[in-house]
């Protein structure tokens, strides 16, 4: 039987018909992991996932991603990129955090606790499955200061194709990539997603302390749509991938930023005093 804590959690966030599924023997288990299935956010597709707990909180992990590094760490009861999370928590100060590439929300409980009482986490996840799981992660941890959006960050508003599966059909999970070039991939590997400019989302009266982008090579486009916010707030930038050299020099280093350190492969850029 599924343990009582998971059943109580399900009663709080899921329809009764889904809770009944949780009580079934064997049918709701895959590789020893308790899971639930729920249509969310208007989607007609079933969400196959499991709830895992660590010292940081509860997480809704998509079963399709259980081979991915971040998912594996959570399922093992550990933390993915603990030093990155610690740095963000230590340096968020009194301002908001922009967290793009939210995946299933593995950073969110820790960041939510670290934020000042009036601060907001602006979280962006374009992959529909990942977004639905991140929504559950927010719900089961009661993360009231997180504003989660099912879209990616880019230079402007619109849509883009996102590769969500590898050619062999495996889910890319947190490695899902927005397609910036003209390459056309088979339809079974991609989904169309919304893209917004950060400057169109963050109100001008919000102070942003950190912009963290883990967007699988789409950092330049995301930053291009955030120049106004970066210029106004001069937040710490944490980038998984640096933009093209000349663009980066003109648009980011030109604002007085410098590369200070690297944490789990992420480059930390600090503004000049």
Protein backbone atom coordinates (compact mmCIF):
# COMPACT_ATOMS: atom_id res chain seq x y z
CA UNK A 1 0.00 0.00 0.00
CA UNK A 2 1.07 3.58 -0.59
CA UNK A 3 2.13 5.11 2.72
CA UNK A 4 -0.27 7.30 4.71
CA UNK A 5 1.71 10.55 4.29
CA UNK A 6 1.46 10.35 0.52
CA UNK A 7 -2.26 9.54 0.72
CA UNK A 8 -2.88 12.52 3.00
CA UNK A 9 -0.93 14.73 0.64
CA UNK A 10 -2.95 13.47 -2.30
CA UNK A 11 -6.22 14.27 -0.53
CA UNK A 12 -5.07 17.86 -0.19
CA UNK A 13 -4.10 18.46 -3.80
CA UNK A 14 -5.78 15.86 -6.01
CA UNK A 15 -9.28 14.92 -7.12
CA UNK A 16 -10.91 11.99 -5.26
CA UNK A 17 -10.71 9.74 -8.32
CA UNK A 18 -6.93 10.14 -8.29
CA UNK A 19 -6.68 9.45 -4.57
CA UNK A 20 -8.45 6.13 -5.17
CA UNK A 21 -5.74 5.20 -7.66
CA UNK A 22 -3.12 5.78 -4.98
CA UNK A 23 -4.67 3.06 -2.83
CA UNK A 24 -4.23 0.33 -5.40
CA UNK A 25 -1.69 -2.42 -4.78
CA UNK A 26 1.11 -2.62 -7.35
CA UNK A 27 -0.71 -0.87 -10.18
CA UNK A 28 0.63 2.52 -9.16
CA UNK A 29 4.22 1.48 -8.68
CA UNK A 30 7.07 1.57 -11.13
CA UNK A 31 10.58 0.54 -10.15
CA UNK A 32 9.59 0.73 -6.48
CA UNK A 33 8.49 4.38 -6.63
CA UNK A 34 5.05 5.49 -5.38
CA UNK A 35 3.42 7.67 -8.01
CA UNK A 36 0.20 9.45 -8.72
CA UNK A 37 -1.40 10.50 -11.97
CA UNK A 38 -3.39 13.68 -12.36
CA UNK A 39 -4.56 15.88 -15.22
CA UNK A 40 -3.50 19.43 -14.32
CA UNK A 41 -3.74 22.92 -15.80
CA UNK A 42 -6.28 21.83 -18.38
CA UNK A 43 -4.07 19.14 -19.91
CA UNK A 44 -5.84 16.01 -21.11
CA UNK A 45 -2.68 13.94 -20.70
CA UNK A 46 -1.97 11.90 -17.61
CA UNK A 47 0.90 13.14 -15.46
CA UNK A 48 3.09 10.17 -14.51
CA UNK A 49 5.20 11.19 -11.56
CA UNK A 50 6.30 10.30 -8.06
CA UNK A 51 6.57 12.23 -4.82
CA UNK A 52 10.00 12.16 -3.22
CA UNK A 53 11.17 13.78 0.00
CA UNK A 54 14.53 15.20 1.02
CA UNK A 55 15.57 17.47 3.86
CA UNK A 56 14.60 20.39 1.60
CA UNK A 57 10.97 19.35 1.11
CA UNK A 58 8.72 17.30 -1.14
CA UNK A 59 9.18 17.07 -4.88
CA UNK A 60 7.03 15.92 -7.77
CA UNK A 61 9.46 14.12 -10.08
CA UNK A 62 8.37 13.19 -13.62
CA UNK A 63 8.89 9.46 -14.07
CA UNK A 64 10.05 10.06 -17.63
CA UNK A 65 13.05 11.94 -16.17
CA UNK A 66 14.12 9.45 -13.51
CA UNK A 67 17.31 8.78 -15.51
CA UNK A 68 18.30 12.48 -15.41
CA UNK A 69 20.91 13.70 -12.87
CA UNK A 70 18.71 16.14 -10.91
CA UNK A 71 15.83 13.66 -10.71
CA UNK A 72 18.14 10.85 -9.61
CA UNK A 73 19.57 12.96 -6.80
CA UNK A 74 16.14 13.84 -5.46
CA UNK A 75 14.93 10.24 -5.71
CA UNK A 76 17.99 9.22 -3.70
CA UNK A 77 17.08 11.75 -1.02
CA UNK A 78 19.95 14.05 -1.96
CA UNK A 79 20.32 17.49 -3.58
CA UNK A 80 21.41 18.47 -7.07
CA UNK A 81 23.85 21.40 -7.27
CA UNK A 82 23.82 22.05 -3.51
CA UNK A 83 26.47 24.77 -3.77
CA UNK A 84 24.44 26.66 -6.37
CA UNK A 85 21.36 26.54 -4.15
CA UNK A 86 23.41 27.66 -1.13
CA UNK A 87 24.88 30.59 -3.06
CA UNK A 88 21.48 31.77 -4.29
CA UNK A 89 20.01 31.48 -0.81
CA UNK A 90 22.89 33.34 0.80
CA UNK A 91 22.94 36.22 -1.69
CA UNK A 92 19.28 36.85 -2.51
CA UNK A 93 19.13 39.64 0.07
CA UNK A 94 15.90 41.63 0.13
CA UNK A 95 15.08 41.34 -3.57
CA UNK A 96 13.30 38.97 -5.94
CA UNK A 97 14.88 35.97 -7.62
CA UNK A 98 14.44 35.10 -11.30
CA UNK A 99 14.83 31.33 -11.71
CA UNK A 100 14.56 30.19 -15.33
CA UNK A 101 14.81 26.51 -16.12
CA UNK A 102 12.81 25.48 -13.06
CA UNK A 103 12.46 21.81 -14.16
CA UNK A 104 10.25 20.05 -11.57
CA UNK A 105 11.08 22.65 -8.93
CA UNK A 106 14.09 21.07 -7.24
CA UNK A 107 15.48 24.51 -6.24
CA UNK A 108 12.16 26.05 -5.22
CA UNK A 109 11.61 24.98 -1.57
CA UNK A 110 15.09 26.11 -0.49
CA UNK A 111 14.87 29.39 -2.41
CA UNK A 112 11.39 30.07 -1.08
CA UNK A 113 12.62 29.77 2.51
CA UNK A 114 15.63 32.01 1.84
CA UNK A 115 13.67 34.91 0.34
CA UNK A 116 12.77 37.98 2.36
CA UNK A 117 9.16 38.14 3.47
CA UNK A 118 8.12 40.57 0.73
CA UNK A 119 10.20 39.00 -2.06
CA UNK A 120 8.99 36.88 -5.00
CA UNK A 121 10.57 34.04 -6.95
CA UNK A 122 9.76 34.45 -10.65
CA UNK A 123 10.09 30.88 -11.94
CA UNK A 124 9.91 29.92 -15.62
CA UNK A 125 9.57 26.42 -17.08
CA UNK A 126 8.46 25.99 -20.72
CA UNK A 127 8.41 22.17 -20.85
CA UNK A 128 4.74 21.29 -20.17
CA UNK A 129 5.44 18.11 -18.21
CA UNK A 130 8.14 19.74 -16.10
CA UNK A 131 5.86 22.72 -15.44
CA UNK A 132 3.03 20.50 -14.23
CA UNK A 133 5.39 18.71 -11.86
CA UNK A 134 6.79 22.03 -10.61
CA UNK A 135 3.21 23.16 -9.94
CA UNK A 136 2.71 20.13 -7.70
CA UNK A 137 6.04 20.78 -5.96
CA UNK A 138 4.84 24.31 -5.20
CA UNK A 139 1.52 22.99 -3.91
CA UNK A 140 2.83 20.30 -1.59
CA UNK A 141 5.36 22.71 -0.06
CA UNK A 142 2.84 25.61 0.10
CA UNK A 143 5.25 27.96 -1.69
CA UNK A 144 3.20 31.13 -1.60
CA UNK A 145 6.02 33.41 -2.74
CA UNK A 146 6.66 31.57 -6.04
CA UNK A 147 5.11 32.79 -9.29
CA UNK A 148 5.53 29.90 -11.72
CA UNK A 149 5.00 30.48 -15.44
CA UNK A 150 4.70 27.85 -18.18
CA UNK A 151 6.94 29.68 -20.64
CA UNK A 152 10.56 30.27 -21.52
CA UNK A 153 12.55 33.49 -21.50
CA UNK A 154 13.62 35.04 -24.76
CA UNK A 155 14.34 38.33 -26.50
CA UNK A 156 10.62 39.01 -26.97
CA UNK A 157 7.17 37.54 -26.76
CA UNK A 158 6.01 34.74 -29.04
CA UNK A 159 6.52 31.03 -29.30
CA UNK A 160 9.30 28.59 -30.10
CA UNK A 161 9.82 24.90 -30.61
CA UNK A 162 11.38 23.05 -27.71
CA UNK A 163 13.12 19.71 -28.02
CA UNK A 164 11.86 17.56 -25.15
CA UNK A 165 13.06 14.13 -26.28
CA UNK A 166 16.29 12.72 -27.64
CA UNK A 167 16.30 10.92 -31.02
CA UNK A 168 15.97 7.60 -29.18
CA UNK A 169 12.77 8.82 -27.52
CA UNK A 170 14.06 9.41 -24.00
CA UNK A 171 12.78 12.50 -22.18
CA UNK A 172 15.37 15.27 -21.90
CA UNK A 173 13.87 16.54 -18.65
CA UNK A 174 15.90 19.51 -17.44
CA UNK A 175 17.96 19.26 -20.64
CA UNK A 176 15.02 20.23 -22.85
CA UNK A 177 16.15 22.92 -25.27
CA UNK A 178 14.47 25.83 -26.98
CA UNK A 179 15.36 25.81 -30.67
CA UNK A 180 16.95 29.07 -31.78
CA UNK A 181 18.12 28.01 -35.25
CA UNK A 182 16.46 26.84 -38.42
CA UNK A 183 16.93 23.12 -37.74
CA UNK A 184 13.64 21.25 -37.99
CA UNK A 185 13.31 18.23 -35.74
CA UNK A 186 10.70 15.47 -35.97
CA UNK A 187 7.42 16.43 -34.34
CA UNK A 188 7.55 13.59 -31.82
CA UNK A 189 10.70 15.15 -30.31
CA UNK A 190 9.41 18.70 -29.90
CA UNK A 191 6.58 20.78 -28.50
CA UNK A 192 5.62 24.38 -29.18
CA UNK A 193 5.98 26.59 -26.11
CA UNK A 194 5.39 30.21 -25.18
CA UNK A 195 8.32 32.60 -24.83
CA UNK A 196 8.29 35.94 -23.02
CA UNK A 197 10.78 38.75 -22.40
CA UNK A 198 11.64 39.12 -18.74
CA UNK A 199 11.35 42.91 -19.08
CA UNK A 200 7.69 42.42 -20.03
CA UNK A 201 7.01 40.34 -16.91
CA UNK A 202 8.83 41.98 -14.00
CA UNK A 203 6.98 45.11 -12.83
CA UNK A 204 9.17 48.22 -12.76
CA UNK A 205 8.68 48.63 -9.02
CA UNK A 206 10.20 45.21 -8.20
CA UNK A 207 13.80 44.95 -7.01
CA UNK A 208 15.55 41.86 -8.40
CA UNK A 209 18.61 40.55 -6.52
CA UNK A 210 19.48 37.50 -8.65
CA UNK A 211 18.82 36.34 -12.20
CA UNK A 212 19.65 32.65 -12.52
CA UNK A 213 19.42 31.14 -16.01
CA UNK A 214 19.72 27.40 -16.60
CA UNK A 215 18.18 27.45 -20.06
CA UNK A 216 20.36 25.05 -22.03
CA UNK A 217 22.15 27.46 -24.36
CA UNK A 218 19.32 30.02 -24.63
CA UNK A 219 20.98 32.40 -22.17
CA UNK A 220 21.78 35.08 -24.75
CA UNK A 221 18.18 35.33 -25.91
CA UNK A 222 16.93 35.34 -22.31
CA UNK A 223 19.35 38.10 -21.36
CA UNK A 224 18.45 40.13 -24.45
CA UNK A 225 14.89 40.29 -23.15
CA UNK A 226 16.07 41.20 -19.65
CA UNK A 227 18.48 44.07 -20.33
CA UNK A 228 16.10 46.65 -18.89
CA UNK A 229 15.71 44.71 -15.64
CA UNK A 230 19.44 44.00 -15.43
CA UNK A 231 20.33 47.65 -16.05
CA UNK A 232 17.80 48.91 -13.51
CA UNK A 233 18.36 46.39 -10.69
CA UNK A 234 21.96 45.26 -11.34
CA UNK A 235 21.29 41.79 -9.95
CA UNK A 236 23.81 39.00 -9.54
CA UNK A 237 23.75 36.89 -12.72
CA UNK A 238 24.17 33.13 -12.52
CA UNK A 239 24.47 31.62 -15.99
CA UNK A 240 24.90 28.00 -16.98
CA UNK A 241 26.19 29.03 -20.44
CA UNK A 242 27.79 32.33 -21.41
CA UNK A 243 26.44 34.15 -24.48
CA UNK A 244 28.41 34.71 -27.68
CA UNK A 245 31.61 36.59 -26.82
CA UNK A 246 31.09 39.89 -28.65
CA UNK A 247 27.42 40.18 -27.59
CA UNK A 248 28.36 39.33 -24.02
CA UNK A 249 31.15 41.92 -23.95
CA UNK A 250 28.95 44.69 -25.29
CA UNK A 251 25.70 43.99 -23.47
CA UNK A 252 26.71 42.46 -20.12
CA UNK A 253 30.36 43.24 -19.44
CA UNK A 254 29.63 46.69 -20.85
CA UNK A 255 27.25 47.25 -17.93
CA UNK A 256 30.14 46.75 -15.53
CA UNK A 257 29.71 43.06 -14.82
CA UNK A 258 32.62 40.72 -14.18
CA UNK A 259 32.90 36.95 -13.82
CA UNK A 260 33.53 36.32 -10.14
CA UNK A 261 33.48 32.51 -9.79
CA UNK A 262 32.09 29.24 -11.07
CA UNK A 263 29.74 26.99 -9.08
CA UNK A 264 28.80 23.56 -10.42
CA UNK A 265 29.68 24.86 -13.89
CA UNK A 266 27.51 27.99 -13.50
CA UNK A 267 29.25 31.31 -14.03
CA UNK A 268 28.55 33.93 -11.36
CA UNK A 269 28.71 37.52 -12.56
CA UNK A 270 28.79 40.44 -10.15
CA UNK A 271 28.08 44.07 -11.03
CA UNK A 272 30.61 46.78 -10.33
CA UNK A 273 29.97 48.70 -7.09
